N, C-alpha and C. Protein backbone atom coordinates (compact mmCIF):
# COMPACT_ATOMS: atom_id res chain seq x y z
N UNK A 1 9.69 10.16 5.00
CA UNK A 1 10.30 9.26 4.06
C UNK A 1 9.20 8.59 3.24
N UNK A 2 9.48 8.39 1.97
CA UNK A 2 8.55 7.68 1.10
C UNK A 2 9.00 6.24 0.99
N UNK A 3 8.10 5.32 1.23
CA UNK A 3 8.39 3.90 1.09
C UNK A 3 7.64 3.39 -0.13
N UNK A 4 8.38 3.00 -1.16
CA UNK A 4 7.80 2.46 -2.38
C UNK A 4 7.86 0.96 -2.29
N UNK A 5 6.70 0.29 -2.27
CA UNK A 5 6.66 -1.16 -2.12
C UNK A 5 6.02 -1.76 -3.35
N UNK A 6 6.80 -2.51 -4.11
CA UNK A 6 6.32 -3.10 -5.33
C UNK A 6 7.47 -3.36 -6.27
N UNK A 7 7.23 -3.19 -7.57
CA UNK A 7 8.27 -3.48 -8.55
C UNK A 7 7.95 -2.89 -9.91
N UNK A 8 8.95 -2.87 -10.77
CA UNK A 8 8.80 -2.48 -12.18
C UNK A 8 9.15 -3.67 -13.04
N UNK A 9 8.44 -3.81 -14.15
CA UNK A 9 8.80 -4.82 -15.13
C UNK A 9 8.50 -4.27 -16.51
N UNK A 10 8.59 -5.09 -17.51
CA UNK A 10 8.37 -4.66 -18.88
C UNK A 10 6.98 -4.11 -19.15
N UNK A 11 6.03 -4.45 -18.32
CA UNK A 11 4.66 -3.98 -18.55
C UNK A 11 4.31 -2.73 -17.74
N UNK A 12 5.20 -2.30 -16.84
CA UNK A 12 4.91 -1.08 -16.10
C UNK A 12 5.46 -1.07 -14.69
N UNK A 13 5.04 -0.04 -13.95
CA UNK A 13 5.44 0.15 -12.56
C UNK A 13 4.24 -0.18 -11.68
N UNK A 14 4.46 -0.98 -10.66
CA UNK A 14 3.39 -1.41 -9.76
C UNK A 14 3.84 -1.17 -8.32
N UNK A 15 3.43 -0.04 -7.75
CA UNK A 15 3.87 0.33 -6.42
C UNK A 15 2.73 0.84 -5.56
N UNK A 16 2.86 0.58 -4.28
CA UNK A 16 2.05 1.25 -3.27
C UNK A 16 3.04 2.14 -2.53
N UNK A 17 2.73 3.42 -2.47
CA UNK A 17 3.63 4.38 -1.83
C UNK A 17 3.05 4.77 -0.47
N UNK A 18 3.88 4.67 0.55
CA UNK A 18 3.50 5.09 1.89
C UNK A 18 4.39 6.24 2.32
N UNK A 19 3.79 7.34 2.72
CA UNK A 19 4.55 8.46 3.28
C UNK A 19 4.62 8.19 4.78
N UNK A 20 5.77 7.72 5.22
CA UNK A 20 5.89 7.22 6.59
C UNK A 20 5.67 8.32 7.64
N UNK A 21 5.99 9.56 7.31
CA UNK A 21 5.78 10.65 8.27
C UNK A 21 4.29 10.89 8.52
N UNK A 22 3.46 10.57 7.54
CA UNK A 22 2.01 10.76 7.68
C UNK A 22 1.33 9.57 8.37
N UNK A 23 1.93 8.39 8.27
CA UNK A 23 1.29 7.18 8.79
C UNK A 23 1.24 7.22 10.31
N UNK A 24 0.05 7.00 10.86
CA UNK A 24 -0.11 6.97 12.31
C UNK A 24 -0.23 5.55 12.86
N UNK A 25 0.03 4.56 12.00
CA UNK A 25 0.04 3.13 12.38
C UNK A 25 -1.29 2.68 12.98
N UNK A 26 -2.39 3.24 12.51
CA UNK A 26 -3.70 2.87 13.05
C UNK A 26 -4.11 1.45 12.66
N UNK A 27 -3.57 0.95 11.53
CA UNK A 27 -3.88 -0.40 11.09
C UNK A 27 -5.17 -0.55 10.33
N UNK A 28 -5.84 0.55 10.01
CA UNK A 28 -7.10 0.45 9.27
C UNK A 28 -6.89 -0.13 7.88
N UNK A 29 -5.76 0.20 7.24
CA UNK A 29 -5.47 -0.34 5.91
C UNK A 29 -5.30 -1.86 5.97
N UNK A 30 -4.74 -2.35 7.04
CA UNK A 30 -4.56 -3.79 7.23
C UNK A 30 -5.92 -4.48 7.27
N UNK A 31 -6.87 -3.87 7.96
CA UNK A 31 -8.21 -4.45 8.12
C UNK A 31 -9.01 -4.49 6.82
N UNK A 32 -8.89 -3.45 5.98
CA UNK A 32 -9.75 -3.36 4.80
C UNK A 32 -9.13 -3.90 3.52
N UNK A 33 -7.86 -4.21 3.52
CA UNK A 33 -7.19 -4.66 2.30
C UNK A 33 -7.68 -6.05 1.90
N UNK A 34 -8.35 -6.17 0.74
CA UNK A 34 -8.86 -7.47 0.31
C UNK A 34 -7.75 -8.48 0.04
N UNK A 35 -6.58 -8.00 -0.35
CA UNK A 35 -5.45 -8.88 -0.68
C UNK A 35 -4.55 -9.15 0.52
N UNK A 36 -4.83 -8.50 1.64
CA UNK A 36 -4.05 -8.70 2.88
C UNK A 36 -2.56 -8.45 2.67
N UNK A 37 -2.24 -7.34 1.98
CA UNK A 37 -0.83 -7.05 1.70
C UNK A 37 -0.16 -6.19 2.76
N UNK A 38 -0.93 -5.51 3.60
CA UNK A 38 -0.34 -4.59 4.58
C UNK A 38 -0.08 -5.24 5.94
N UNK A 39 0.91 -4.68 6.63
CA UNK A 39 1.16 -4.99 8.02
C UNK A 39 1.71 -3.74 8.69
N UNK A 40 1.52 -3.63 9.99
CA UNK A 40 2.09 -2.53 10.75
C UNK A 40 3.37 -3.07 11.38
N UNK A 41 4.48 -2.39 11.07
CA UNK A 41 5.78 -2.83 11.58
C UNK A 41 6.52 -1.65 12.19
N UNK A 42 7.57 -1.94 12.91
CA UNK A 42 8.47 -0.90 13.39
C UNK A 42 9.56 -0.72 12.35
N UNK A 43 9.74 0.51 11.87
CA UNK A 43 10.75 0.75 10.84
C UNK A 43 12.13 0.92 11.46
N UNK A 44 13.11 1.22 10.63
CA UNK A 44 14.49 1.36 11.08
C UNK A 44 14.70 2.52 12.05
N UNK A 45 13.75 3.42 12.12
CA UNK A 45 13.87 4.59 12.99
C UNK A 45 13.08 4.43 14.29
N UNK A 46 12.50 3.26 14.50
CA UNK A 46 11.74 3.00 15.72
C UNK A 46 10.29 3.44 15.67
N UNK A 47 9.83 3.86 14.50
CA UNK A 47 8.44 4.29 14.34
C UNK A 47 7.60 3.14 13.81
N UNK A 48 6.37 3.02 14.27
CA UNK A 48 5.44 2.03 13.72
C UNK A 48 4.77 2.62 12.50
N UNK A 49 4.78 1.87 11.41
CA UNK A 49 4.18 2.32 10.14
C UNK A 49 3.53 1.13 9.45
N UNK A 50 2.57 1.42 8.59
CA UNK A 50 1.93 0.39 7.77
C UNK A 50 2.69 0.31 6.44
N UNK A 51 3.13 -0.88 6.11
CA UNK A 51 3.86 -1.13 4.86
C UNK A 51 3.38 -2.42 4.25
N UNK A 52 3.73 -2.62 2.98
CA UNK A 52 3.42 -3.87 2.30
C UNK A 52 4.35 -4.94 2.85
N UNK A 53 3.79 -6.11 3.14
CA UNK A 53 4.58 -7.23 3.65
C UNK A 53 5.67 -7.58 2.63
N UNK A 54 6.85 -7.91 3.13
CA UNK A 54 7.98 -8.24 2.26
C UNK A 54 7.64 -9.32 1.25
N UNK A 55 6.93 -10.36 1.68
CA UNK A 55 6.63 -11.47 0.78
C UNK A 55 5.54 -11.14 -0.24
N UNK A 56 4.94 -9.95 -0.16
CA UNK A 56 3.88 -9.54 -1.09
C UNK A 56 4.37 -8.53 -2.13
N UNK A 57 5.52 -7.90 -1.90
CA UNK A 57 5.99 -6.81 -2.77
C UNK A 57 6.13 -7.21 -4.22
N UNK A 58 6.66 -8.37 -4.50
CA UNK A 58 6.89 -8.81 -5.88
C UNK A 58 5.62 -9.28 -6.57
N UNK A 59 4.52 -9.33 -5.84
CA UNK A 59 3.24 -9.79 -6.41
C UNK A 59 2.15 -8.73 -6.40
N UNK A 60 2.51 -7.49 -6.10
CA UNK A 60 1.52 -6.41 -6.01
C UNK A 60 0.64 -6.35 -7.26
N UNK A 61 1.24 -6.47 -8.43
CA UNK A 61 0.50 -6.40 -9.69
C UNK A 61 -0.64 -7.42 -9.72
N UNK A 62 -0.38 -8.61 -9.23
CA UNK A 62 -1.37 -9.69 -9.28
C UNK A 62 -2.31 -9.65 -8.08
N UNK A 63 -1.79 -9.35 -6.91
CA UNK A 63 -2.61 -9.33 -5.71
C UNK A 63 -3.64 -8.22 -5.73
N UNK A 64 -3.25 -7.06 -6.24
CA UNK A 64 -4.14 -5.90 -6.23
C UNK A 64 -4.97 -5.77 -7.51
N UNK A 65 -4.69 -6.57 -8.51
CA UNK A 65 -5.37 -6.37 -9.79
C UNK A 65 -6.84 -6.74 -9.76
N UNK A 66 -7.22 -7.72 -8.96
CA UNK A 66 -8.61 -8.16 -8.93
C UNK A 66 -9.59 -7.07 -8.56
N UNK A 67 -9.53 -6.58 -7.36
CA UNK A 67 -10.51 -5.57 -6.94
C UNK A 67 -9.92 -4.20 -6.69
N UNK A 68 -8.61 -4.07 -6.73
CA UNK A 68 -8.05 -2.78 -6.31
C UNK A 68 -7.14 -2.08 -7.31
N UNK A 69 -6.83 -2.69 -8.43
CA UNK A 69 -5.94 -2.00 -9.36
C UNK A 69 -6.60 -0.69 -9.78
N UNK A 70 -5.93 0.42 -9.52
CA UNK A 70 -6.54 1.73 -9.83
C UNK A 70 -6.80 1.91 -11.32
N UNK A 71 -7.97 2.41 -11.63
CA UNK A 71 -8.29 2.86 -12.98
C UNK A 71 -9.49 3.80 -12.89
N UNK A 72 -9.84 4.39 -13.98
CA UNK A 72 -10.89 5.42 -13.97
C UNK A 72 -12.26 4.90 -13.61
N UNK A 73 -12.52 3.61 -13.77
CA UNK A 73 -13.85 3.07 -13.55
C UNK A 73 -14.07 2.47 -12.17
N UNK A 74 -13.09 2.49 -11.33
CA UNK A 74 -13.22 1.86 -10.01
C UNK A 74 -13.46 2.90 -8.92
N UNK A 75 -14.15 2.51 -7.89
CA UNK A 75 -14.31 3.43 -6.76
C UNK A 75 -12.96 3.62 -6.07
N UNK A 76 -12.86 4.61 -5.20
CA UNK A 76 -11.60 4.81 -4.47
C UNK A 76 -11.17 3.52 -3.76
N UNK A 77 -9.89 3.31 -3.71
CA UNK A 77 -9.35 2.08 -3.12
C UNK A 77 -9.55 2.06 -1.61
N UNK A 78 -9.91 0.90 -1.04
CA UNK A 78 -10.21 0.81 0.38
C UNK A 78 -9.09 1.33 1.28
N UNK A 79 -7.85 0.98 0.98
CA UNK A 79 -6.74 1.41 1.84
C UNK A 79 -6.55 2.92 1.79
N UNK A 80 -6.76 3.50 0.63
CA UNK A 80 -6.61 4.95 0.48
C UNK A 80 -7.75 5.67 1.21
N UNK A 81 -8.95 5.14 1.11
CA UNK A 81 -10.12 5.76 1.75
C UNK A 81 -9.99 5.77 3.26
N UNK A 82 -9.57 4.65 3.86
CA UNK A 82 -9.51 4.59 5.33
C UNK A 82 -8.29 5.27 5.91
N UNK A 83 -7.31 5.60 5.10
CA UNK A 83 -6.11 6.24 5.60
C UNK A 83 -6.37 7.73 5.80
N UNK A 84 -6.82 8.08 6.98
CA UNK A 84 -7.20 9.47 7.27
C UNK A 84 -6.05 10.46 7.12
N UNK A 85 -4.81 10.09 7.48
CA UNK A 85 -3.70 11.04 7.27
C UNK A 85 -3.28 11.16 5.81
N UNK A 86 -3.79 10.30 4.93
CA UNK A 86 -3.41 10.36 3.52
C UNK A 86 -2.03 9.83 3.23
N UNK A 87 -1.62 8.80 3.95
CA UNK A 87 -0.27 8.27 3.82
C UNK A 87 -0.10 7.25 2.69
N UNK A 88 -1.21 6.74 2.13
CA UNK A 88 -1.12 5.67 1.14
C UNK A 88 -1.56 6.16 -0.24
N UNK A 89 -0.77 5.82 -1.26
CA UNK A 89 -1.11 6.10 -2.65
C UNK A 89 -0.72 4.87 -3.47
N UNK A 90 -1.40 4.68 -4.60
CA UNK A 90 -1.05 3.61 -5.53
C UNK A 90 -0.47 4.24 -6.80
N UNK A 91 0.52 3.61 -7.37
CA UNK A 91 1.12 4.06 -8.61
C UNK A 91 1.07 2.92 -9.61
N UNK A 92 0.22 3.06 -10.60
CA UNK A 92 0.09 2.06 -11.66
C UNK A 92 0.26 2.77 -12.97
């Protein structure tokens, strides 16, 4: 299952996508996220997965814009780099 956490507004789409089948709930993304947006939770199917905290979803654009908003001039994002199964992607 794909979990899209974020929002769309007049200026664009701001989402962090987690492929829950790939997530091994290691929590490495939680540790390296400068904005502290991730948490490991149990989903509706009883699996532990890393997702964006509910209270952070509507602020992804602002929380991630400082050091992590993807663009051509930035190094790979910390959460994407540490996610060995490749479960995390950003959509901007």
